[in-house]
Amino acid sequence: MNEDKDDDRIVHDPIEDDPVVGPLVKQAEEEAIADLAKGEFVLDLGYCHMLWDRQKKILKERYGINWKTPSEMNPMVIFD
């Protein structure tokens, strides 16, 4: 028996499913990873929040896209 329920899943911003915007979200993620790699950041607790903040900033400043991070879309979930 599958105990997974749709309401137990992590949700993402629906704009990620848009055929035009989705690739930009992914591109911004790759750019954010590269930006963070240039600094002294380590893959540790809280890294995902730094990554998402940088990704969100890239999307807003470069493309005018208001993207919601996984933590914004799932306020009852604790991300490390």
N, C-alpha and C. Protein backbone atom coordinates (compact mmCIF):
# COMPACT_ATOMS: atom_id res chain seq x y z
N MET A 1 0.84 -1.18 0.00
CA MET A 1 0.00 0.00 0.00
C MET A 1 0.88 1.24 0.00
N ASN A 2 0.61 2.16 -0.89
CA ASN A 2 1.37 3.41 -0.97
C ASN A 2 0.77 4.41 -0.01
N GLU A 3 1.58 4.84 0.95
CA GLU A 3 1.09 5.73 1.98
C GLU A 3 1.30 7.20 1.64
N ASP A 4 1.96 7.47 0.50
CA ASP A 4 2.16 8.86 0.10
C ASP A 4 0.83 9.51 -0.23
N LYS A 5 0.68 10.74 0.21
CA LYS A 5 -0.52 11.52 -0.09
C LYS A 5 -0.06 12.75 -0.85
N ASP A 6 -0.89 13.23 -1.75
CA ASP A 6 -0.54 14.43 -2.51
C ASP A 6 -0.25 15.60 -1.59
N ASP A 7 -0.96 15.72 -0.48
CA ASP A 7 -0.78 16.86 0.40
C ASP A 7 0.48 16.72 1.26
N ASP A 8 1.19 15.59 1.19
CA ASP A 8 2.43 15.40 1.93
C ASP A 8 3.66 15.71 1.09
N ARG A 9 3.47 16.06 -0.15
CA ARG A 9 4.58 16.29 -1.06
C ARG A 9 5.12 17.72 -0.93
N ILE A 10 6.38 17.84 -1.28
CA ILE A 10 7.00 19.16 -1.39
C ILE A 10 6.50 19.77 -2.70
N VAL A 11 6.03 20.99 -2.65
CA VAL A 11 5.53 21.65 -3.85
C VAL A 11 6.56 22.66 -4.34
N HIS A 12 6.49 22.98 -5.62
CA HIS A 12 7.38 23.98 -6.21
C HIS A 12 6.54 25.08 -6.84
N ASP A 13 7.19 26.18 -7.13
CA ASP A 13 6.51 27.30 -7.76
C ASP A 13 6.03 26.86 -9.14
N PRO A 14 4.75 27.02 -9.44
CA PRO A 14 4.22 26.58 -10.74
C PRO A 14 4.90 27.23 -11.95
N ILE A 15 5.54 28.38 -11.77
CA ILE A 15 6.21 28.99 -12.92
C ILE A 15 7.34 28.11 -13.44
N GLU A 16 7.82 27.20 -12.61
CA GLU A 16 8.88 26.28 -13.05
C GLU A 16 8.38 25.34 -14.14
N ASP A 17 7.08 25.15 -14.24
CA ASP A 17 6.49 24.28 -15.26
C ASP A 17 6.24 25.00 -16.58
N ASP A 18 6.38 26.32 -16.59
CA ASP A 18 6.18 27.09 -17.81
C ASP A 18 7.31 26.79 -18.78
N PRO A 19 6.98 26.53 -20.05
CA PRO A 19 8.03 26.16 -21.02
C PRO A 19 9.04 27.28 -21.29
N VAL A 20 8.69 28.51 -21.04
CA VAL A 20 9.62 29.62 -21.25
C VAL A 20 10.36 29.95 -19.95
N VAL A 21 9.64 30.05 -18.86
CA VAL A 21 10.23 30.46 -17.58
C VAL A 21 11.01 29.33 -16.92
N GLY A 22 10.53 28.11 -17.04
CA GLY A 22 11.18 26.97 -16.40
C GLY A 22 12.67 26.86 -16.69
N PRO A 23 13.08 26.94 -17.96
CA PRO A 23 14.51 26.88 -18.25
C PRO A 23 15.30 28.05 -17.64
N LEU A 24 14.67 29.20 -17.51
CA LEU A 24 15.35 30.34 -16.89
C LEU A 24 15.57 30.09 -15.40
N VAL A 25 14.61 29.44 -14.75
CA VAL A 25 14.75 29.10 -13.34
C VAL A 25 15.93 28.14 -13.17
N LYS A 26 16.03 27.16 -14.03
CA LYS A 26 17.13 26.20 -13.98
C LYS A 26 18.47 26.89 -14.27
N GLN A 27 18.48 27.77 -15.26
CA GLN A 27 19.70 28.51 -15.60
C GLN A 27 20.14 29.37 -14.42
N ALA A 28 19.20 30.03 -13.77
CA ALA A 28 19.52 30.87 -12.61
C ALA A 28 20.08 30.01 -11.47
N GLU A 29 19.57 28.79 -11.34
CA GLU A 29 20.09 27.88 -10.31
C GLU A 29 21.56 27.55 -10.59
N GLU A 30 21.86 27.24 -11.84
CA GLU A 30 23.24 26.92 -12.22
C GLU A 30 24.16 28.12 -12.00
N GLU A 31 23.68 29.31 -12.33
CA GLU A 31 24.47 30.53 -12.12
C GLU A 31 24.68 30.77 -10.63
N ALA A 32 23.66 30.55 -9.83
CA ALA A 32 23.76 30.74 -8.38
C ALA A 32 24.78 29.77 -7.79
N ILE A 33 24.76 28.52 -8.25
CA ILE A 33 25.74 27.54 -7.77
C ILE A 33 27.15 28.00 -8.12
N ALA A 34 27.34 28.47 -9.35
CA ALA A 34 28.66 28.95 -9.78
C ALA A 34 29.09 30.17 -8.97
N ASP A 35 28.16 31.09 -8.71
CA ASP A 35 28.48 32.28 -7.91
C ASP A 35 28.92 31.89 -6.51
N LEU A 36 28.19 30.97 -5.90
CA LEU A 36 28.52 30.57 -4.53
C LEU A 36 29.83 29.79 -4.49
N ALA A 37 30.14 29.08 -5.56
CA ALA A 37 31.39 28.32 -5.61
C ALA A 37 32.61 29.24 -5.65
N LYS A 38 32.42 30.47 -6.11
CA LYS A 38 33.53 31.43 -6.18
C LYS A 38 33.93 31.92 -4.79
N GLY A 39 33.02 31.84 -3.85
CA GLY A 39 33.29 32.32 -2.49
C GLY A 39 33.79 31.21 -1.59
N GLU A 40 33.70 31.45 -0.32
CA GLU A 40 34.16 30.49 0.68
C GLU A 40 33.00 29.65 1.23
N PHE A 41 31.96 29.48 0.46
CA PHE A 41 30.80 28.73 0.91
C PHE A 41 31.08 27.23 0.84
N VAL A 42 30.61 26.54 1.83
CA VAL A 42 30.74 25.08 1.85
C VAL A 42 29.35 24.47 1.84
N LEU A 43 29.29 23.26 1.33
CA LEU A 43 28.01 22.55 1.33
C LEU A 43 27.74 22.09 2.76
N ASP A 44 27.00 22.89 3.47
CA ASP A 44 26.73 22.63 4.88
C ASP A 44 25.28 22.99 5.15
N LEU A 45 24.87 22.82 6.37
CA LEU A 45 23.51 23.19 6.75
C LEU A 45 23.24 24.64 6.37
N GLY A 46 22.11 24.87 5.78
CA GLY A 46 21.72 26.21 5.39
C GLY A 46 22.15 26.62 4.00
N TYR A 47 22.97 25.78 3.34
CA TYR A 47 23.45 26.13 2.00
C TYR A 47 22.30 26.33 1.03
N CYS A 48 21.26 25.51 1.13
CA CYS A 48 20.15 25.61 0.19
C CYS A 48 19.50 26.99 0.26
N HIS A 49 19.47 27.59 1.44
CA HIS A 49 18.85 28.92 1.59
C HIS A 49 19.70 29.99 0.91
N MET A 50 21.02 29.87 1.03
CA MET A 50 21.90 30.81 0.32
C MET A 50 21.74 30.65 -1.18
N LEU A 51 21.66 29.40 -1.63
CA LEU A 51 21.49 29.12 -3.05
C LEU A 51 20.17 29.70 -3.56
N TRP A 52 19.08 29.43 -2.86
CA TRP A 52 17.77 29.92 -3.31
C TRP A 52 17.69 31.44 -3.28
N ASP A 53 18.31 32.06 -2.26
CA ASP A 53 18.31 33.52 -2.20
C ASP A 53 19.03 34.11 -3.41
N ARG A 54 20.16 33.53 -3.75
CA ARG A 54 20.93 34.01 -4.92
C ARG A 54 20.16 33.75 -6.21
N GLN A 55 19.56 32.59 -6.33
CA GLN A 55 18.76 32.25 -7.50
C GLN A 55 17.59 33.20 -7.66
N LYS A 56 16.91 33.48 -6.57
CA LYS A 56 15.76 34.40 -6.58
C LYS A 56 16.20 35.79 -7.04
N LYS A 57 17.36 36.24 -6.55
CA LYS A 57 17.89 37.55 -6.92
C LYS A 57 18.22 37.62 -8.41
N ILE A 58 18.85 36.57 -8.92
CA ILE A 58 19.18 36.52 -10.35
C ILE A 58 17.92 36.61 -11.18
N LEU A 59 16.92 35.82 -10.83
CA LEU A 59 15.67 35.80 -11.60
C LEU A 59 14.99 37.16 -11.58
N LYS A 60 14.98 37.82 -10.43
CA LYS A 60 14.31 39.11 -10.31
C LYS A 60 15.06 40.20 -11.06
N GLU A 61 16.36 40.28 -10.82
CA GLU A 61 17.15 41.36 -11.40
C GLU A 61 17.35 41.21 -12.91
N ARG A 62 17.59 40.01 -13.37
CA ARG A 62 17.92 39.79 -14.77
C ARG A 62 16.69 39.62 -15.66
N TYR A 63 15.65 38.96 -15.11
CA TYR A 63 14.50 38.61 -15.95
C TYR A 63 13.17 39.19 -15.47
N GLY A 64 13.17 39.85 -14.31
CA GLY A 64 11.93 40.40 -13.77
C GLY A 64 10.96 39.32 -13.32
N ILE A 65 11.49 38.14 -12.98
CA ILE A 65 10.66 37.00 -12.57
C ILE A 65 10.60 36.94 -11.05
N ASN A 66 9.40 36.87 -10.54
CA ASN A 66 9.18 36.70 -9.10
C ASN A 66 8.97 35.21 -8.82
N TRP A 67 10.05 34.56 -8.44
CA TRP A 67 10.05 33.12 -8.17
C TRP A 67 9.95 32.89 -6.67
N LYS A 68 9.18 31.90 -6.28
CA LYS A 68 9.08 31.54 -4.87
C LYS A 68 9.98 30.32 -4.62
N THR A 69 10.81 30.44 -3.61
CA THR A 69 11.73 29.37 -3.25
C THR A 69 10.96 28.18 -2.66
N PRO A 70 11.60 27.01 -2.61
CA PRO A 70 10.94 25.87 -1.98
C PRO A 70 10.52 26.16 -0.53
N SER A 71 11.33 26.91 0.20
CA SER A 71 10.95 27.22 1.58
C SER A 71 9.74 28.16 1.63
N GLU A 72 9.61 29.05 0.67
CA GLU A 72 8.43 29.92 0.61
C GLU A 72 7.19 29.13 0.21
N MET A 73 7.37 28.15 -0.66
CA MET A 73 6.24 27.35 -1.14
C MET A 73 5.81 26.30 -0.12
N ASN A 74 6.69 25.96 0.81
CA ASN A 74 6.43 24.91 1.79
C ASN A 74 6.78 25.41 3.20
N PRO A 75 5.99 26.37 3.71
CA PRO A 75 6.34 27.00 5.00
C PRO A 75 6.34 26.06 6.19
N MET A 76 5.72 24.92 6.08
CA MET A 76 5.68 23.98 7.20
C MET A 76 6.81 22.95 7.14
N VAL A 77 7.71 23.11 6.17
CA VAL A 77 8.84 22.19 6.01
C VAL A 77 10.11 22.91 6.42
N ILE A 78 10.97 22.21 7.13
CA ILE A 78 12.27 22.77 7.51
C ILE A 78 13.31 22.21 6.55
N PHE A 79 13.95 23.11 5.82
CA PHE A 79 15.01 22.74 4.88
C PHE A 79 16.34 23.05 5.52
N ASP A 80 17.30 22.15 5.34
CA ASP A 80 18.65 22.38 5.89
C ASP A 80 19.58 22.78 4.79
